Every structure is written in structure tokens, then in C-alpha cells.
Amino acid sequence: MATNIERLIETIKSLSAAEKFELARRLEETGVLDDNQSWYWTPQWQAAEKEADEDIAAGRIYHYDNVDDLMRSLHARRKQASK
């Protein structure tokens, strides 16, 4: 079953944003999707998801063990950008 789900997920990922939106619309129509979650399937949100997936794949992500480390990093980047 997991293999089928993984295959389904990969198929959905390969859809265009418009196709994903149409899929979500149809699922919502049948009551499978909650109306409160339909924003996720909008073309704009899916474009942002794709960008995030690409950043993750390219290693353009950061991991912090705590909020203090995150804040130090953000302040350092801001300081560097203002030079």
C-alpha cells in the first residue's frame, strides 16, 4: 500500500499547478477535502511549494538547534546584506 501511495504522491507532484488546483476542486466537491485547506492547492501556493522543494534539493536550507542560533544567523545575514 505504501508503494501505491508513494506513486500517487509522485504523480500528483508532477501535475501542473492548474492541474493540482483542478484535482483539489474535484476532491473538495466530493467532500474529500476540507474547504479550510483549499488554499494549499492554489497555483500560487503550489509555486511556493515547488520553490521550497527545489531549495531543499539544492541544499539551500539551514538547520538550527534553537531559536537563539536562528536569531544570531538572521542578524548576521542582515548585517552582511547592509554592507
C-alpha atoms as a PDB file:
ATOM      1  CA  MET A   1       0.000   0.000   0.000  1.00  0.00           C
ATOM      2  CA  ALA A   2       2.833   2.415   0.824  1.00  0.00           C
ATOM      3  CA  THR A   3       4.218   1.948  -2.675  1.00  0.00           C
ATOM      4  CA  ASN A   4       0.873   2.882  -4.187  1.00  0.00           C
ATOM      5  CA  ILE A   5       0.661   5.986  -2.018  1.00  0.00           C
ATOM      6  CA  GLU A   6       4.203   6.986  -2.933  1.00  0.00           C
ATOM      7  CA  ARG A   7       3.390   6.518  -6.609  1.00  0.00           C
ATOM      8  CA  LEU A   8       0.240   8.616  -6.216  1.00  0.00           C
ATOM      9  CA  ILE A   9       2.186  11.355  -4.460  1.00  0.00           C
ATOM     10  CA  GLU A  10       4.796  11.404  -7.225  1.00  0.00           C
ATOM     11  CA  THR A  11       2.042  11.572  -9.840  1.00  0.00           C
ATOM     12  CA  ILE A  12       0.401  14.489  -8.054  1.00  0.00           C
ATOM     13  CA  LYS A  13       3.760  16.268  -7.705  1.00  0.00           C
ATOM     14  CA  SER A  14       4.261  16.035 -11.464  1.00  0.00           C
ATOM     15  CA  LEU A  15       0.966  17.801 -12.189  1.00  0.00           C
ATOM     16  CA  SER A  16       0.981  21.438 -13.180  1.00  0.00           C
ATOM     17  CA  ALA A  17      -0.293  23.944 -10.638  1.00  0.00           C
ATOM     18  CA  ALA A  18      -3.523  24.288 -12.615  1.00  0.00           C
ATOM     19  CA  GLU A  19      -3.995  20.502 -12.663  1.00  0.00           C
ATOM     20  CA  LYS A  20      -3.398  20.326  -8.912  1.00  0.00           C
ATOM     21  CA  PHE A  21      -5.936  23.073  -8.392  1.00  0.00           C
ATOM     22  CA  GLU A  22      -8.476  21.172 -10.509  1.00  0.00           C
ATOM     23  CA  LEU A  23      -7.784  17.972  -8.577  1.00  0.00           C
ATOM     24  CA  ALA A  24      -8.310  19.819  -5.309  1.00  0.00           C
ATOM     25  CA  ARG A  25     -11.524  21.354  -6.634  1.00  0.00           C
ATOM     26  CA  ARG A  26     -12.863  17.926  -7.534  1.00  0.00           C
ATOM     27  CA  LEU A  27     -11.834  16.423  -4.210  1.00  0.00           C
ATOM     28  CA  GLU A  28     -13.467  19.316  -2.404  1.00  0.00           C
ATOM     29  CA  GLU A  29     -16.606  18.863  -4.497  1.00  0.00           C
ATOM     30  CA  THR A  30     -16.868  15.256  -3.347  1.00  0.00           C
ATOM     31  CA  GLY A  31     -16.232  16.190   0.281  1.00  0.00           C
ATOM     32  CA  VAL A  32     -12.786  14.596   0.439  1.00  0.00           C
ATOM     33  CA  LEU A  33     -11.013  17.923   1.006  1.00  0.00           C
ATOM     34  CA  ASP A  34     -11.872  20.350   3.751  1.00  0.00           C
ATOM     35  CA  ASP A  35     -12.689  23.802   2.388  1.00  0.00           C
ATOM     36  CA  ASN A  36     -10.371  25.309   5.001  1.00  0.00           C
ATOM     37  CA  GLN A  37      -7.402  23.645   3.289  1.00  0.00           C
ATOM     38  CA  SER A  38      -8.135  24.615  -0.310  1.00  0.00           C
ATOM     39  CA  TRP A  39      -5.594  27.450  -0.161  1.00  0.00           C
ATOM     40  CA  TYR A  40      -2.853  24.823  -0.264  1.00  0.00           C
ATOM     41  CA  TRP A  41      -3.824  23.799  -3.778  1.00  0.00           C
ATOM     42  CA  THR A  42      -3.902  27.272  -5.306  1.00  0.00           C
ATOM     43  CA  PRO A  43      -1.401  27.837  -8.133  1.00  0.00           C
ATOM     44  CA  GLN A  44       0.412  30.483  -6.080  1.00  0.00           C
ATOM     45  CA  TRP A  45       0.880  28.197  -3.080  1.00  0.00           C
ATOM     46  CA  GLN A  46       1.947  25.291  -5.252  1.00  0.00           C
ATOM     47  CA  ALA A  47       4.547  27.524  -6.937  1.00  0.00           C
ATOM     48  CA  ALA A  48       5.922  28.374  -3.496  1.00  0.00           C
ATOM     49  CA  GLU A  49       5.934  24.665  -2.558  1.00  0.00           C
ATOM     50  CA  LYS A  50       7.870  23.871  -5.733  1.00  0.00           C
ATOM     51  CA  GLU A  51      10.390  26.595  -4.949  1.00  0.00           C
ATOM     52  CA  ALA A  52      10.809  25.218  -1.428  1.00  0.00           C
ATOM     53  CA  ASP A  53      11.292  21.675  -2.772  1.00  0.00           C
ATOM     54  CA  GLU A  54      13.965  22.973  -5.159  1.00  0.00           C
ATOM     55  CA  ASP A  55      15.730  24.818  -2.329  1.00  0.00           C
ATOM     56  CA  ILE A  56      15.720  21.660  -0.212  1.00  0.00           C
ATOM     57  CA  ALA A  57      17.026  19.537  -3.107  1.00  0.00           C
ATOM     58  CA  ALA A  58      19.811  22.065  -3.782  1.00  0.00           C
ATOM     59  CA  GLY A  59      20.804  22.218  -0.121  1.00  0.00           C
ATOM     60  CA  ARG A  60      19.723  25.833   0.302  1.00  0.00           C
ATOM     61  CA  ILE A  61      18.342  25.215   3.775  1.00  0.00           C
ATOM     62  CA  TYR A  62      19.594  25.827   7.271  1.00  0.00           C
ATOM     63  CA  HIS A  63      19.058  23.866  10.458  1.00  0.00           C
ATOM     64  CA  TYR A  64      19.199  25.473  13.863  1.00  0.00           C
ATOM     65  CA  ASP A  65      19.182  23.688  17.188  1.00  0.00           C
ATOM     66  CA  ASN A  66      17.468  26.573  18.936  1.00  0.00           C
ATOM     67  CA  VAL A  67      15.893  29.969  18.378  1.00  0.00           C
ATOM     68  CA  ASP A  68      18.944  31.845  19.653  1.00  0.00           C
ATOM     69  CA  ASP A  69      21.126  30.323  16.921  1.00  0.00           C
ATOM     70  CA  LEU A  70      18.494  31.197  14.330  1.00  0.00           C
ATOM     71  CA  MET A  71      18.296  34.805  15.503  1.00  0.00           C
ATOM     72  CA  ARG A  72      22.102  35.173  15.505  1.00  0.00           C
ATOM     73  CA  SER A  73      22.196  33.869  11.942  1.00  0.00           C
ATOM     74  CA  LEU A  74      19.426  36.209  10.800  1.00  0.00           C
ATOM     75  CA  HIS A  75      21.114  39.222  12.398  1.00  0.00           C
ATOM     76  CA  ALA A  76      24.455  38.298  10.820  1.00  0.00           C
ATOM     77  CA  ARG A  77      22.856  37.926   7.382  1.00  0.00           C
ATOM     78  CA  ARG A  78      21.053  41.240   7.766  1.00  0.00           C
ATOM     79  CA  LYS A  79      24.292  42.940   8.803  1.00  0.00           C
ATOM     80  CA  GLN A  80      26.137  41.376   5.843  1.00  0.00           C
ATOM     81  CA  ALA A  81      23.403  42.451   3.403  1.00  0.00           C
ATOM     82  CA  SER A  82      23.519  46.068   4.590  1.00  0.00           C
ATOM     83  CA  LYS A  83      27.249  46.418   3.817  1.00  0.00           C
END
